[in-house]
Amino acid sequence: MQQSQTHKQKVYITNVMAGSLDGAIASHPEESDNERKAMGFINEADHDHVRHLLSTCDAVVVGAHSVNVSGGVMEVLNDQGKHPTWIMCTRTGFDAADPIWNAPATPKWLVSNRSLPDEKTKGADRTVIYDQELGSRSLVEAICEACAEADLKRVLLFGGGFINSEFYEAGAVDAFTLTVCPVIIGSEHRVPIVQPTLTGPTHFKLEGIKTEGDLVFIHYIAKA
């Protein structure tokens, strides 16, 4: 479960999630931001929390599907006066009208395990290709290497569950910031923080906790 330290030393990865009391990050895989708000995952306090985190990072890693169903990227200037780079994992690329291309000032990278048609990558500042099945670098290695090369040291991992699983399996998550939302989903279609099952656990220690209204914001760092 331990990733090569060469790139992990240069890139600090914080998994950022909002979850229900029964451990779901969505009630179903296609959940939109409006549905999330109605379900109790999103409110102004959590929105401000995420914007603050974006203001202290250099890049965001997220599954492309998650970005599209939530209406595109969040365009925020960080503490260096730059827009964090959004690194989106995709197998198909995107149509020109997809929400992913909103927020034109925000740099956007696409990461895929296959070559993408030119018409599916228009608007991307960079495309990173990996092919783990052929024995080359993995998704996590490809992203960490690209971030290190671009001097993007502070990286937020926004998921969803499958992307999170890759990073946890590689031992590449340094910290975990969780917003605990006051709702129990209880649906067989709910999406967990990590899927599929990992081969072993990742242990954390508590760094900080705060509350605002009914929300609890918890920050952990990974144990060595």
Protein backbone atom coordinates (compact mmCIF):
# COMPACT_ATOMS: atom_id res chain seq x y z
CA MET A 1 0.00 0.00 0.00
CA GLN A 2 3.01 2.28 0.06
CA GLN A 3 3.63 4.47 -2.93
CA SER A 4 7.13 5.29 -4.13
CA GLN A 5 8.33 8.20 -2.00
CA THR A 6 9.93 10.06 -4.93
CA HIS A 7 6.76 11.90 -5.88
CA LYS A 8 4.88 11.65 -2.62
CA GLN A 9 7.51 13.86 -1.02
CA LYS A 10 6.76 16.57 -3.58
CA VAL A 11 2.95 16.31 -3.66
CA TYR A 12 0.75 16.52 -0.55
CA ILE A 13 -2.67 15.00 -1.16
CA THR A 14 -5.73 15.78 0.96
CA ASN A 15 -8.90 13.81 0.35
CA VAL A 16 -11.88 16.19 0.78
CA MET A 17 -15.31 14.66 1.20
CA ALA A 18 -18.78 15.52 2.50
CA GLY A 19 -20.47 12.42 3.87
CA SER A 20 -23.69 11.35 5.51
CA LEU A 21 -23.84 9.79 8.96
CA ASP A 22 -23.94 6.36 7.30
CA GLY A 23 -20.85 7.03 5.18
CA ALA A 24 -22.34 8.00 1.81
CA ILE A 25 -20.99 10.80 -0.39
CA ALA A 26 -24.07 10.71 -2.64
CA SER A 27 -27.50 9.09 -2.55
CA HIS A 28 -26.94 7.68 -6.06
CA PRO A 29 -24.20 7.91 -8.73
CA GLU A 30 -25.98 10.54 -10.87
CA GLU A 31 -26.76 12.93 -8.02
CA SER A 32 -26.65 16.61 -9.04
CA ASP A 33 -25.72 19.53 -6.81
CA ASN A 34 -29.39 20.47 -6.49
CA GLU A 35 -30.19 16.95 -5.31
CA ARG A 36 -27.25 17.05 -2.92
CA LYS A 37 -28.54 20.28 -1.43
CA ALA A 38 -32.04 18.84 -1.03
CA MET A 39 -30.58 15.68 0.51
CA GLY A 40 -28.61 17.69 3.07
CA PHE A 41 -25.07 17.33 1.72
CA ILE A 42 -24.60 20.95 0.64
CA ASN A 43 -25.30 24.29 2.32
CA GLU A 44 -23.60 27.67 2.44
CA ALA A 45 -21.30 26.69 5.33
CA ASP A 46 -19.95 23.70 3.41
CA HIS A 47 -19.68 25.77 0.24
CA ASP A 48 -17.56 28.34 2.08
CA HIS A 49 -15.48 25.51 3.57
CA VAL A 50 -14.71 24.10 0.12
CA ARG A 51 -13.90 27.52 -1.31
CA HIS A 52 -11.45 28.09 1.55
CA LEU A 53 -9.76 24.76 0.84
CA LEU A 54 -9.51 25.65 -2.85
CA SER A 55 -7.86 28.94 -1.90
CA THR A 56 -5.06 26.99 -0.19
CA CYS A 57 -4.36 24.40 -2.91
CA ASP A 58 -2.53 24.21 -6.23
CA ALA A 59 -4.60 21.47 -7.89
CA VAL A 60 -7.77 19.38 -7.61
CA VAL A 61 -8.05 15.73 -8.69
CA VAL A 62 -11.55 14.53 -9.46
CA GLY A 63 -13.46 12.07 -11.60
CA ALA A 64 -14.81 13.73 -14.70
CA HIS A 65 -18.30 12.34 -14.11
CA SER A 66 -18.41 14.03 -10.71
CA VAL A 67 -17.55 17.39 -12.27
CA ASN A 68 -20.17 17.11 -14.99
CA VAL A 69 -23.07 16.09 -12.72
CA SER A 70 -22.20 18.93 -10.31
CA GLY A 71 -22.25 21.54 -13.08
CA GLY A 72 -18.54 22.15 -13.68
CA VAL A 73 -15.50 23.31 -11.72
CA MET A 74 -15.44 25.91 -8.97
CA GLU A 75 -13.35 28.88 -10.09
CA VAL A 76 -11.41 30.23 -7.12
CA LEU A 77 -8.15 32.16 -6.82
CA ASN A 78 -5.68 30.59 -4.40
CA ASP A 79 -3.31 32.27 -1.95
CA GLN A 80 -0.71 32.56 -4.72
CA GLY A 81 -3.08 34.55 -6.92
CA LYS A 82 -3.60 31.61 -9.30
CA HIS A 83 -6.53 29.41 -10.22
CA PRO A 84 -5.90 25.84 -9.02
CA THR A 85 -5.54 23.35 -11.85
CA TRP A 86 -8.42 20.89 -12.10
CA ILE A 87 -7.16 17.41 -13.04
CA MET A 88 -10.04 15.30 -14.31
CA CYS A 89 -9.93 11.54 -14.86
CA THR A 90 -11.85 10.35 -17.90
CA ARG A 91 -12.03 7.41 -20.30
CA THR A 92 -13.95 9.21 -23.02
CA GLY A 93 -13.10 12.92 -22.95
CA PHE A 94 -15.79 15.58 -23.22
CA ASP A 95 -18.12 17.24 -25.67
CA ALA A 96 -17.64 20.95 -26.28
CA ALA A 97 -20.93 21.77 -24.52
CA ASP A 98 -20.18 19.79 -21.33
CA PRO A 99 -20.13 21.75 -18.03
CA ILE A 100 -16.51 20.76 -17.52
CA TRP A 101 -15.44 23.60 -19.83
CA ASN A 102 -17.14 26.25 -17.70
CA ALA A 103 -14.85 28.63 -15.78
CA PRO A 104 -12.42 29.44 -18.63
CA ALA A 105 -9.77 30.98 -16.35
CA THR A 106 -9.23 27.66 -14.54
CA PRO A 107 -6.54 25.38 -16.04
CA LYS A 108 -7.87 21.93 -16.87
CA TRP A 109 -5.98 18.67 -17.36
CA LEU A 110 -7.45 15.40 -18.57
CA VAL A 111 -6.04 12.07 -17.37
CA SER A 112 -6.91 8.87 -19.21
CA ASN A 113 -5.71 5.30 -19.68
CA ARG A 114 -6.17 5.63 -23.43
CA SER A 115 -5.65 8.15 -26.20
CA LEU A 116 -8.57 10.53 -26.57
CA PRO A 117 -9.95 11.97 -29.83
CA ASP A 118 -8.94 15.57 -30.43
CA GLU A 119 -12.57 16.71 -30.46
CA LYS A 120 -12.99 15.30 -26.93
CA THR A 121 -10.06 17.24 -25.47
CA LYS A 122 -10.61 20.72 -26.90
CA GLY A 123 -10.19 23.23 -24.10
CA ALA A 124 -7.83 21.05 -22.08
CA ASP A 125 -4.49 22.61 -21.15
CA ARG A 126 -2.85 19.19 -20.89
CA THR A 127 -3.68 15.52 -21.44
CA VAL A 128 -1.88 12.86 -19.39
CA ILE A 129 -2.01 9.24 -20.59
CA TYR A 130 -1.15 6.19 -18.48
CA ASP A 131 -1.49 2.45 -19.15
CA GLN A 132 -1.17 0.31 -16.04
CA GLU A 133 -2.26 -2.86 -17.85
CA LEU A 134 0.79 -2.69 -20.10
CA GLY A 135 3.08 -2.36 -17.11
CA SER A 136 3.64 1.37 -17.29
CA ARG A 137 2.70 3.90 -14.63
CA SER A 138 -0.60 3.83 -12.77
CA LEU A 139 -3.22 6.57 -12.56
CA VAL A 140 -1.81 7.74 -9.23
CA GLU A 141 1.79 7.70 -10.46
CA ALA A 142 0.85 9.60 -13.61
CA ILE A 143 -0.96 12.32 -11.66
CA CYS A 144 1.70 12.65 -8.96
CA GLU A 145 4.49 12.84 -11.54
CA ALA A 146 2.65 15.45 -13.61
CA CYS A 147 1.89 17.54 -10.51
CA ALA A 148 5.48 17.36 -9.30
CA GLU A 149 6.77 18.41 -12.72
CA ALA A 150 4.38 21.38 -12.76
CA ASP A 151 5.21 22.33 -9.15
CA LEU A 152 1.64 21.68 -8.02
CA LYS A 153 2.45 20.58 -4.48
CA ARG A 154 -0.84 21.00 -2.61
CA VAL A 155 -3.45 18.71 -4.13
CA LEU A 156 -7.07 18.19 -3.10
CA LEU A 157 -8.60 14.81 -3.96
CA PHE A 158 -12.33 15.30 -4.56
CA GLY A 159 -13.15 11.72 -5.62
CA GLY A 160 -15.57 10.10 -6.32
CA GLY A 161 -15.30 6.67 -4.79
CA PHE A 162 -13.37 4.91 -7.56
CA ILE A 163 -10.76 7.69 -7.84
CA ASN A 164 -10.41 7.75 -4.05
CA SER A 165 -9.87 3.98 -4.08
CA GLU A 166 -6.91 4.29 -6.45
CA PHE A 167 -5.18 6.82 -4.21
CA TYR A 168 -5.83 4.93 -0.97
CA GLU A 169 -4.67 1.66 -2.53
CA ALA A 170 -1.44 3.39 -3.55
CA GLY A 171 -0.87 4.80 -0.05
CA ALA A 172 -0.86 8.29 -1.55
CA VAL A 173 -3.35 10.10 0.73
CA ASP A 174 -1.62 12.33 3.28
CA ALA A 175 -4.67 13.89 4.93
CA PHE A 176 -8.45 13.60 5.02
CA THR A 177 -10.91 16.45 5.52
CA LEU A 178 -14.45 15.26 6.13
CA THR A 179 -17.65 17.27 6.41
CA VAL A 180 -20.11 15.17 8.39
CA CYS A 181 -23.64 15.99 7.23
CA PRO A 182 -26.65 15.44 9.52
CA VAL A 183 -28.47 12.91 7.32
CA ILE A 184 -28.73 9.13 7.02
CA ILE A 185 -29.21 8.04 3.40
CA GLY A 186 -29.99 4.36 3.93
CA SER A 187 -30.27 3.61 0.20
CA GLU A 188 -28.76 0.62 -1.59
CA HIS A 189 -27.78 3.06 -4.36
CA ARG A 190 -25.70 5.32 -2.10
CA VAL A 191 -22.09 5.99 -3.08
CA PRO A 192 -19.39 5.25 -0.47
CA ILE A 193 -16.25 7.32 0.11
CA VAL A 194 -14.13 4.50 -1.30
CA GLN A 195 -15.15 1.84 -3.81
CA PRO A 196 -14.34 -0.91 -4.53
CA THR A 197 -12.89 -2.64 -1.46
CA LEU A 198 -9.26 -1.90 -0.56
CA THR A 199 -6.69 -4.60 0.20
CA GLY A 200 -5.88 -2.95 3.55
CA PRO A 201 -6.85 0.00 5.79
CA THR A 202 -5.46 3.52 5.95
CA HIS A 203 -5.13 4.86 9.50
CA PHE A 204 -5.43 8.54 10.44
CA LYS A 205 -4.95 10.69 13.50
CA LEU A 206 -7.12 13.63 14.42
CA GLU A 207 -5.68 17.08 13.71
CA GLY A 208 -8.67 19.35 14.19
CA ILE A 209 -12.41 19.57 14.47
CA LYS A 210 -14.94 22.40 14.28
CA THR A 211 -18.67 22.77 13.98
CA GLU A 212 -20.94 25.21 12.20
CA GLY A 213 -24.66 24.79 12.56
CA ASP A 214 -25.43 21.11 12.13
CA LEU A 215 -22.21 20.36 10.22
CA VAL A 216 -19.00 18.91 11.68
CA PHE A 217 -15.70 19.55 9.89
CA ILE A 218 -13.00 17.01 10.79
CA HIS A 219 -9.38 17.10 9.66
CA TYR A 220 -7.15 14.02 9.91
CA ILE A 221 -3.60 13.31 8.83
CA ALA A 222 -2.44 9.86 7.76
CA LYS A 223 -0.34 7.88 10.22
CA ALA A 224 3.13 6.97 8.95
